[in-house]
Amino acid sequence: MTTLDVPQITIIVPVYNAEKYLDQCLRSIVTQTYRNLEVILVDDGSTDNSGEICDQYASSDSRIIVIHQSNMGVSHSRNIGIEKAKGDYIIFVDSDDWIDEKLCETLLDAVITYNVEAAVCAYIREYPNKSLPKILHERNTVFSGKVMQRIICGPIAKELENPENMDSYGTLWGHIYPARVLKKHEMMDLSKIGTAEDVLYNFKIFSDIKNIVYVIQPLYHYRKDVKTSITSTYKPDLWCKWERLYSEFKKVIQENDLDPIYYQALSNRIAINTLGLGLNCVEDNASFYEKYKRIKAILANSQRKDAMKCLMLENMPIYWKFFFVCAKCRLSFMLCVLLLVISNMRGQM
């Protein structure tokens, strides 16, 4: 513990070209009701005024440390922050998001009250014209680390009623973690696995976390419109990178001799990720025929075909069932049309 046995919380913020949103983010951090903070801002080679904004905040608040580095990616920025952190607990905040003034106080209080090692809170998806809370439980709920690790791996049984919640526990933001655990693990670079480095990292670290409490107050504000604009670009190598991502999941399962149910959970993840891969295929200016060929290639992949065969649809809502029946039957034309509709709807939200 730190001074007077009051735990110190380190907040790590990776920053890259976020000048439009950074002031709101940092104001929400420095005005936290919990005061014993260390704030590490990692400026990842920003080419706008983000670095200067970080320095301005540091000059007026002694709790803030700024690290300037050449552009090395968000995973490296977080790893550097973890390495430098001196706090007892670590919280991550993305530079285009912001947090409720009581986030630190509430999450630490939950850790103490429920006698757990970590906590995660509900969050609010912030669109330009609306705010949508995402609350997964009716009351604060305690999970063992093993149960949370399996949930992060992928949904099974009744969890398939809401496939869209698959990664709601796997974010780095909205959590408070024991620093000693994070310092034992490194985050994998996005250039190797494409996306979901936060989900993979959580999957690894929950081998070392005994228990966690889910807090129903939505305390984290996730700026959804920014993420949508960033992700809506065709990435031709995403398929190969996700294959490496799944291999990393399998590696953790094998090294920790985890229960066979983890393989089923991962298989369901692979099947459900057909939606994400499909959206990646249709969100550019290519011809319909080219998009159709991409979808056809995805559905022909042997690992994905096996995952589709094992995916149980009975618990899914009707619209999810329809999508995955098309995927199971490899109806590439119909799936391409559906994905174009979904992509258009997502762009209008």
Protein backbone atom coordinates (compact mmCIF):
# COMPACT_ATOMS: atom_id res chain seq x y z
CA MET A 1 0.00 0.00 0.00
CA THR A 2 1.00 3.62 -0.39
CA THR A 3 0.98 6.59 1.96
CA LEU A 4 -1.32 6.11 4.99
CA ASP A 5 -2.45 2.75 3.57
CA VAL A 6 -4.61 4.49 0.98
CA PRO A 7 -4.21 2.54 -2.26
CA GLN A 8 -2.81 4.46 -5.19
CA ILE A 9 -4.48 4.01 -8.56
CA THR A 10 -2.48 4.45 -11.76
CA ILE A 11 -4.53 5.58 -14.76
CA ILE A 12 -2.88 4.79 -18.10
CA VAL A 13 -3.96 6.73 -21.19
CA PRO A 14 -2.44 5.85 -24.58
CA VAL A 15 -2.66 8.98 -26.72
CA TYR A 16 -2.44 9.26 -30.50
CA ASN A 17 -3.82 12.22 -32.48
CA ALA A 18 -6.71 12.75 -30.11
CA GLU A 19 -6.65 16.54 -29.75
CA LYS A 20 -10.36 16.83 -30.56
CA TYR A 21 -11.34 14.72 -27.52
CA LEU A 22 -8.32 14.77 -25.21
CA ASP A 23 -9.32 17.74 -23.07
CA GLN A 24 -12.64 16.14 -22.11
CA CYS A 25 -10.86 12.87 -21.34
CA LEU A 26 -8.18 14.45 -19.15
CA ARG A 27 -10.60 16.76 -17.33
CA SER A 28 -12.65 13.71 -16.36
CA ILE A 29 -9.52 12.14 -14.90
CA VAL A 30 -8.07 15.05 -12.93
CA THR A 31 -11.47 15.82 -11.36
CA GLN A 32 -11.95 12.31 -9.94
CA THR A 33 -13.35 12.27 -6.42
CA TYR A 34 -10.64 9.73 -5.53
CA ARG A 35 -7.48 11.81 -5.31
CA ASN A 36 -4.60 9.37 -4.76
CA LEU A 37 -3.87 8.94 -8.45
CA GLU A 38 -0.89 8.56 -10.70
CA VAL A 39 -1.76 9.44 -14.31
CA ILE A 40 0.52 8.18 -17.09
CA LEU A 41 -0.09 9.71 -20.52
CA VAL A 42 1.79 7.91 -23.30
CA ASP A 43 1.96 10.17 -26.36
CA ASP A 44 2.50 7.67 -29.17
CA GLY A 45 4.10 9.98 -31.72
CA SER A 46 1.06 12.22 -32.22
CA THR A 47 1.30 14.58 -35.19
CA ASP A 48 -1.41 16.95 -33.93
CA ASN A 49 -1.46 18.96 -30.69
CA SER A 50 -2.08 15.97 -28.42
CA GLY A 51 1.46 15.97 -27.03
CA GLU A 52 1.24 19.65 -26.13
CA ILE A 53 -2.13 19.14 -24.43
CA CYS A 54 -0.61 16.33 -22.35
CA ASP A 55 2.28 18.58 -21.31
CA GLN A 56 -0.08 21.40 -20.36
CA TYR A 57 -2.02 19.13 -18.02
CA ALA A 58 1.19 17.77 -16.52
CA SER A 59 2.44 21.30 -15.79
CA SER A 60 -0.62 22.02 -13.66
CA ASP A 61 -1.05 18.63 -11.94
CA SER A 62 1.89 16.89 -10.28
CA ARG A 63 0.11 13.52 -10.46
CA ILE A 64 0.51 13.45 -14.25
CA ILE A 65 3.51 11.89 -16.00
CA VAL A 66 3.89 12.28 -19.77
CA ILE A 67 5.89 9.87 -21.90
CA HIS A 68 6.61 10.93 -25.49
CA GLN A 69 7.63 8.19 -27.91
CA SER A 70 7.74 7.53 -31.64
CA ASN A 71 4.62 5.83 -33.01
CA MET A 72 4.75 2.21 -31.80
CA GLY A 73 1.07 1.34 -31.41
CA VAL A 74 -1.47 1.24 -28.62
CA SER A 75 -0.30 -2.10 -27.20
CA HIS A 76 3.26 -0.83 -26.77
CA SER A 77 1.93 2.37 -25.18
CA ARG A 78 -0.06 0.37 -22.62
CA ASN A 79 2.89 -1.94 -21.94
CA ILE A 80 5.10 1.08 -21.24
CA GLY A 81 2.45 2.50 -18.93
CA ILE A 82 2.21 -0.77 -17.02
CA GLU A 83 5.98 -0.96 -16.71
CA LYS A 84 6.21 2.59 -15.30
CA ALA A 85 3.13 2.35 -13.04
CA LYS A 86 3.76 2.70 -9.31
CA GLY A 87 0.15 2.37 -8.15
CA ASP A 88 -1.41 -0.58 -6.35
CA TYR A 89 -4.15 -0.73 -9.00
CA ILE A 90 -4.30 0.13 -12.69
CA ILE A 91 -7.15 1.60 -14.74
CA PHE A 92 -7.01 2.15 -18.52
CA VAL A 93 -8.80 5.03 -20.26
CA ASP A 94 -8.83 5.58 -24.03
CA SER A 95 -7.97 9.14 -25.04
CA ASP A 96 -11.20 9.69 -27.00
CA ASP A 97 -13.40 8.52 -24.12
CA TRP A 98 -14.15 9.96 -20.70
CA ILE A 99 -15.08 8.69 -17.24
CA ASP A 100 -17.59 9.54 -14.54
CA GLU A 101 -16.05 11.57 -11.71
CA LYS A 102 -16.68 8.68 -9.27
CA LEU A 103 -15.30 5.84 -11.42
CA CYS A 104 -12.09 5.38 -9.43
CA GLU A 105 -13.81 5.75 -6.07
CA THR A 106 -16.65 3.38 -6.98
CA LEU A 107 -14.49 0.62 -8.48
CA LEU A 108 -11.99 0.64 -5.62
CA ASP A 109 -14.82 0.65 -3.09
CA ALA A 110 -16.34 -2.36 -4.87
CA VAL A 111 -13.03 -4.24 -4.69
CA ILE A 112 -12.85 -3.62 -0.94
CA THR A 113 -16.55 -4.20 -0.20
CA TYR A 114 -16.80 -7.49 -2.08
CA ASN A 115 -13.28 -8.63 -1.08
CA VAL A 116 -12.22 -9.25 -4.68
CA GLU A 117 -9.10 -8.48 -6.68
CA ALA A 118 -10.63 -6.62 -9.63
CA ALA A 119 -13.79 -4.84 -10.74
CA VAL A 120 -15.49 -3.89 -14.01
CA CYS A 121 -18.33 -1.43 -14.48
CA ALA A 122 -21.18 -0.98 -16.94
CA TYR A 123 -20.62 1.66 -19.59
CA ILE A 124 -22.39 4.12 -21.86
CA ARG A 125 -22.05 4.04 -25.64
CA GLU A 126 -21.81 7.67 -26.71
CA TYR A 127 -23.11 8.46 -30.19
CA PRO A 128 -23.29 12.00 -31.63
CA ASN A 129 -27.02 12.28 -30.89
CA LYS A 130 -27.69 9.73 -28.17
CA SER A 131 -26.26 7.87 -25.20
CA LEU A 132 -27.00 4.16 -24.74
CA PRO A 133 -26.09 2.46 -21.44
CA LYS A 134 -24.80 -1.10 -21.62
CA ILE A 135 -25.66 -2.88 -18.36
CA LEU A 136 -25.21 -6.66 -18.36
CA HIS A 137 -26.66 -7.58 -14.95
CA GLU A 138 -29.50 -6.45 -12.69
CA ARG A 139 -27.28 -6.26 -9.60
CA ASN A 140 -23.60 -6.19 -8.71
CA THR A 141 -22.29 -9.70 -9.40
CA VAL A 142 -19.11 -11.49 -8.29
CA PHE A 143 -17.37 -13.94 -10.62
CA SER A 144 -14.39 -16.17 -10.01
CA GLY A 145 -11.42 -15.45 -12.24
CA LYS A 146 -11.85 -18.82 -13.95
CA VAL A 147 -15.50 -18.15 -14.78
CA MET A 148 -14.66 -14.69 -16.14
CA GLN A 149 -11.82 -16.17 -18.18
CA ARG A 150 -14.20 -18.66 -19.78
CA ILE A 151 -16.76 -15.94 -20.51
CA ILE A 152 -14.04 -13.87 -22.18
CA CYS A 153 -12.99 -16.87 -24.27
CA GLY A 154 -16.42 -17.06 -25.89
CA PRO A 155 -20.15 -17.52 -25.21
CA ILE A 156 -21.83 -20.87 -24.57
CA ALA A 157 -25.38 -22.08 -23.88
CA LYS A 158 -27.67 -19.27 -22.60
CA GLU A 159 -24.95 -16.67 -23.28
CA LEU A 160 -25.69 -17.16 -26.98
CA GLU A 161 -28.98 -15.33 -26.43
CA ASN A 162 -26.95 -12.13 -26.76
CA PRO A 163 -23.96 -12.78 -29.06
CA GLU A 164 -23.44 -9.01 -29.33
CA ASN A 165 -22.25 -9.05 -25.70
CA MET A 166 -19.38 -11.41 -26.47
CA ASP A 167 -16.62 -8.85 -25.85
CA SER A 168 -18.40 -6.65 -23.32
CA TYR A 169 -16.28 -8.08 -20.49
CA GLY A 170 -13.08 -8.16 -22.54
CA THR A 171 -12.30 -4.45 -22.79
CA LEU A 172 -9.38 -3.01 -20.86
CA TRP A 173 -11.20 0.23 -20.08
CA GLY A 174 -13.87 0.18 -17.38
CA HIS A 175 -11.80 -2.20 -15.24
CA ILE A 176 -9.65 -1.79 -12.16
CA TYR A 177 -6.87 -4.37 -11.99
CA PRO A 178 -4.25 -5.29 -9.37
CA ALA A 179 -0.99 -3.89 -10.73
CA ARG A 180 1.02 -6.92 -9.61
CA VAL A 181 -0.90 -9.14 -12.04
CA LEU A 182 -0.61 -6.82 -15.05
CA LYS A 183 3.13 -6.47 -14.53
CA LYS A 184 3.49 -10.22 -15.17
CA HIS A 185 1.98 -10.06 -18.66
CA GLU A 186 2.64 -8.16 -21.90
CA MET A 187 0.02 -7.08 -24.39
CA MET A 188 0.41 -8.45 -27.93
CA ASP A 189 0.86 -5.95 -30.73
CA LEU A 190 -2.18 -5.30 -32.93
CA SER A 191 -0.02 -5.66 -36.05
CA LYS A 192 0.14 -9.38 -35.29
CA ILE A 193 -3.49 -10.16 -34.41
CA GLY A 194 -5.50 -7.36 -36.06
CA THR A 195 -7.92 -6.53 -33.23
CA ALA A 196 -9.02 -7.76 -29.79
CA GLU A 197 -5.64 -7.36 -28.10
CA ASP A 198 -7.60 -6.29 -25.02
CA VAL A 199 -9.75 -9.45 -25.07
CA LEU A 200 -6.69 -11.68 -25.48
CA TYR A 201 -4.87 -9.84 -22.68
CA ASN A 202 -7.83 -10.23 -20.32
CA PHE A 203 -8.05 -13.90 -21.23
CA LYS A 204 -4.43 -14.35 -20.18
CA ILE A 205 -4.44 -12.34 -16.96
CA PHE A 206 -7.57 -13.89 -15.48
CA SER A 207 -5.52 -17.02 -14.87
CA ASP A 208 -3.91 -14.94 -12.11
CA ILE A 209 -6.97 -13.10 -10.77
CA LYS A 210 -9.04 -14.93 -8.14
CA ASN A 211 -12.27 -12.98 -8.47
CA ILE A 212 -13.89 -9.88 -9.93
CA VAL A 213 -17.08 -7.92 -9.28
CA TYR A 214 -19.29 -6.51 -12.01
CA VAL A 215 -20.63 -3.08 -10.97
CA ILE A 216 -23.92 -2.07 -12.56
CA GLN A 217 -23.34 1.71 -12.48
CA PRO A 218 -22.41 2.88 -16.01
CA LEU A 219 -19.30 4.91 -15.20
CA TYR A 220 -17.30 4.75 -18.44
CA HIS A 221 -18.27 6.79 -21.53
CA TYR A 222 -17.26 4.94 -24.70
CA ARG A 223 -17.27 7.25 -27.73
CA LYS A 224 -18.79 4.89 -30.27
CA ASP A 225 -18.85 7.12 -33.35
CA VAL A 226 -15.05 7.46 -33.39
CA LYS A 227 -14.47 3.70 -33.20
CA THR A 228 -16.97 3.04 -35.97
CA SER A 229 -15.22 5.45 -38.34
CA ILE A 230 -11.83 3.91 -37.57
CA THR A 231 -12.93 0.29 -37.99
CA SER A 232 -15.01 0.81 -41.15
CA THR A 233 -12.10 0.28 -43.53
CA TYR A 234 -11.36 -2.91 -45.44
CA LYS A 235 -8.34 -4.76 -44.03
CA PRO A 236 -7.31 -7.53 -46.45
CA ASP A 237 -5.02 -9.18 -43.90
CA LEU A 238 -7.56 -9.24 -41.03
CA TRP A 239 -8.50 -12.84 -41.78
CA CYS A 240 -4.89 -14.05 -41.36
CA LYS A 241 -4.37 -11.95 -38.24
CA TRP A 242 -7.49 -13.38 -36.60
CA GLU A 243 -6.18 -16.88 -37.32
CA ARG A 244 -3.12 -15.93 -35.25
CA LEU A 245 -5.43 -14.48 -32.57
CA TYR A 246 -7.28 -17.80 -32.28
CA SER A 247 -3.93 -19.62 -32.09
CA GLU A 248 -3.00 -17.44 -29.12
CA PHE A 249 -6.25 -18.36 -27.38
CA LYS A 250 -5.52 -22.05 -27.99
CA LYS A 251 -2.02 -21.61 -26.65
CA VAL A 252 -3.35 -20.22 -23.36
CA ILE A 253 -5.88 -23.07 -23.10
CA GLN A 254 -3.19 -25.68 -23.67
CA GLU A 255 -0.54 -24.12 -21.42
CA ASN A 256 -2.99 -23.81 -18.51
CA ASP A 257 -4.62 -27.22 -19.16
CA LEU A 258 -8.05 -25.59 -19.17
CA ASP A 259 -11.33 -27.47 -19.33
CA PRO A 260 -12.53 -28.69 -22.79
CA ILE A 261 -15.46 -26.24 -22.49
CA TYR A 262 -12.94 -23.51 -23.39
CA TYR A 263 -12.51 -25.08 -26.83
CA GLN A 264 -16.28 -24.91 -27.37
CA ALA A 265 -16.30 -21.29 -26.22
CA LEU A 266 -13.46 -20.46 -28.63
CA SER A 267 -15.23 -22.32 -31.44
CA ASN A 268 -18.31 -20.16 -30.84
CA ARG A 269 -16.12 -17.05 -30.89
CA ILE A 270 -14.72 -18.09 -34.28
CA ALA A 271 -18.23 -18.68 -35.65
CA ILE A 272 -19.65 -15.42 -34.32
CA ASN A 273 -16.65 -13.49 -35.63
CA THR A 274 -17.92 -14.31 -39.12
CA LEU A 275 -20.01 -11.17 -38.72
CA GLY A 276 -16.95 -9.00 -38.05
CA LEU A 277 -14.95 -10.55 -40.88
CA GLY A 278 -17.94 -10.16 -43.18
CA LEU A 279 -18.38 -6.50 -42.34
CA ASN A 280 -14.68 -5.99 -43.00
CA CYS A 281 -15.24 -7.50 -46.47
CA VAL A 282 -18.05 -5.17 -47.51
CA GLU A 283 -16.95 -1.82 -46.07
CA ASP A 284 -15.01 -0.40 -48.99
CA ASN A 285 -15.72 0.72 -52.57
CA ALA A 286 -15.12 -2.65 -54.24
CA SER A 287 -17.76 -4.07 -56.57
CA PHE A 288 -20.52 -6.29 -55.23
CA TYR A 289 -18.96 -9.25 -57.05
CA GLU A 290 -15.62 -8.67 -55.35
CA LYS A 291 -17.31 -8.45 -51.95
CA TYR A 292 -19.26 -11.62 -52.71
CA LYS A 293 -16.00 -13.46 -53.52
CA ARG A 294 -14.48 -12.33 -50.21
CA ILE A 295 -17.50 -13.64 -48.27
CA LYS A 296 -17.36 -16.92 -50.18
CA ALA A 297 -13.68 -17.38 -49.28
CA ILE A 298 -14.38 -16.70 -45.58
CA LEU A 299 -17.16 -19.30 -45.47
CA ALA A 300 -14.95 -21.88 -47.22
CA ASN A 301 -12.31 -21.72 -44.48
CA SER A 302 -12.08 -25.15 -42.82
CA GLN A 303 -11.73 -23.83 -39.25
CA ARG A 304 -14.75 -21.57 -39.70
CA LYS A 305 -16.82 -24.36 -41.28
CA ASP A 306 -16.10 -26.59 -38.29
CA ALA A 307 -17.01 -23.79 -35.89
CA MET A 308 -20.26 -23.14 -37.75
CA LYS A 309 -21.23 -26.82 -37.53
CA CYS A 310 -20.85 -26.71 -33.73
CA LEU A 311 -22.61 -23.36 -33.21
CA MET A 312 -25.97 -23.95 -31.48
CA LEU A 313 -28.65 -21.52 -32.62
CA GLU A 314 -31.64 -22.39 -30.42
CA ASN A 315 -30.92 -19.70 -27.82
CA MET A 316 -30.33 -16.93 -30.37
CA PRO A 317 -32.85 -14.24 -31.35
CA ILE A 318 -34.48 -14.79 -34.74
CA TYR A 319 -32.37 -12.22 -36.61
CA TRP A 320 -29.14 -13.84 -35.36
CA LYS A 321 -30.49 -17.27 -36.28
CA PHE A 322 -31.23 -16.11 -39.82
CA PHE A 323 -27.74 -14.67 -40.26
CA PHE A 324 -25.97 -17.77 -38.97
CA VAL A 325 -28.23 -20.20 -40.87
CA CYS A 326 -27.08 -18.40 -44.01
CA ALA A 327 -23.48 -18.72 -42.81
CA LYS A 328 -23.87 -22.40 -41.90
CA CYS A 329 -25.34 -23.13 -45.34
CA ARG A 330 -22.66 -20.97 -46.99
CA LEU A 331 -25.22 -18.82 -48.80
CA SER A 332 -22.60 -16.29 -49.84
CA PHE A 333 -24.88 -14.09 -51.97
CA MET A 334 -27.54 -13.77 -49.26
CA LEU A 335 -24.91 -13.17 -46.59
CA CYS A 336 -23.28 -10.45 -48.66
CA VAL A 337 -26.62 -8.65 -49.00
CA LEU A 338 -27.28 -8.96 -45.26
CA LEU A 339 -23.84 -7.61 -44.43
CA LEU A 340 -24.31 -4.61 -46.71
CA VAL A 341 -27.60 -3.84 -44.95
CA ILE A 342 -25.96 -4.19 -41.50
CA SER A 343 -23.04 -2.02 -42.59
CA ASN A 344 -25.40 0.70 -43.84
CA MET A 345 -27.44 0.58 -40.62
CA ARG A 346 -24.27 0.77 -38.52
CA GLY A 347 -23.12 3.86 -40.42
CA GLN A 348 -26.41 5.62 -39.66
CA MET A 349 -26.43 4.92 -35.90
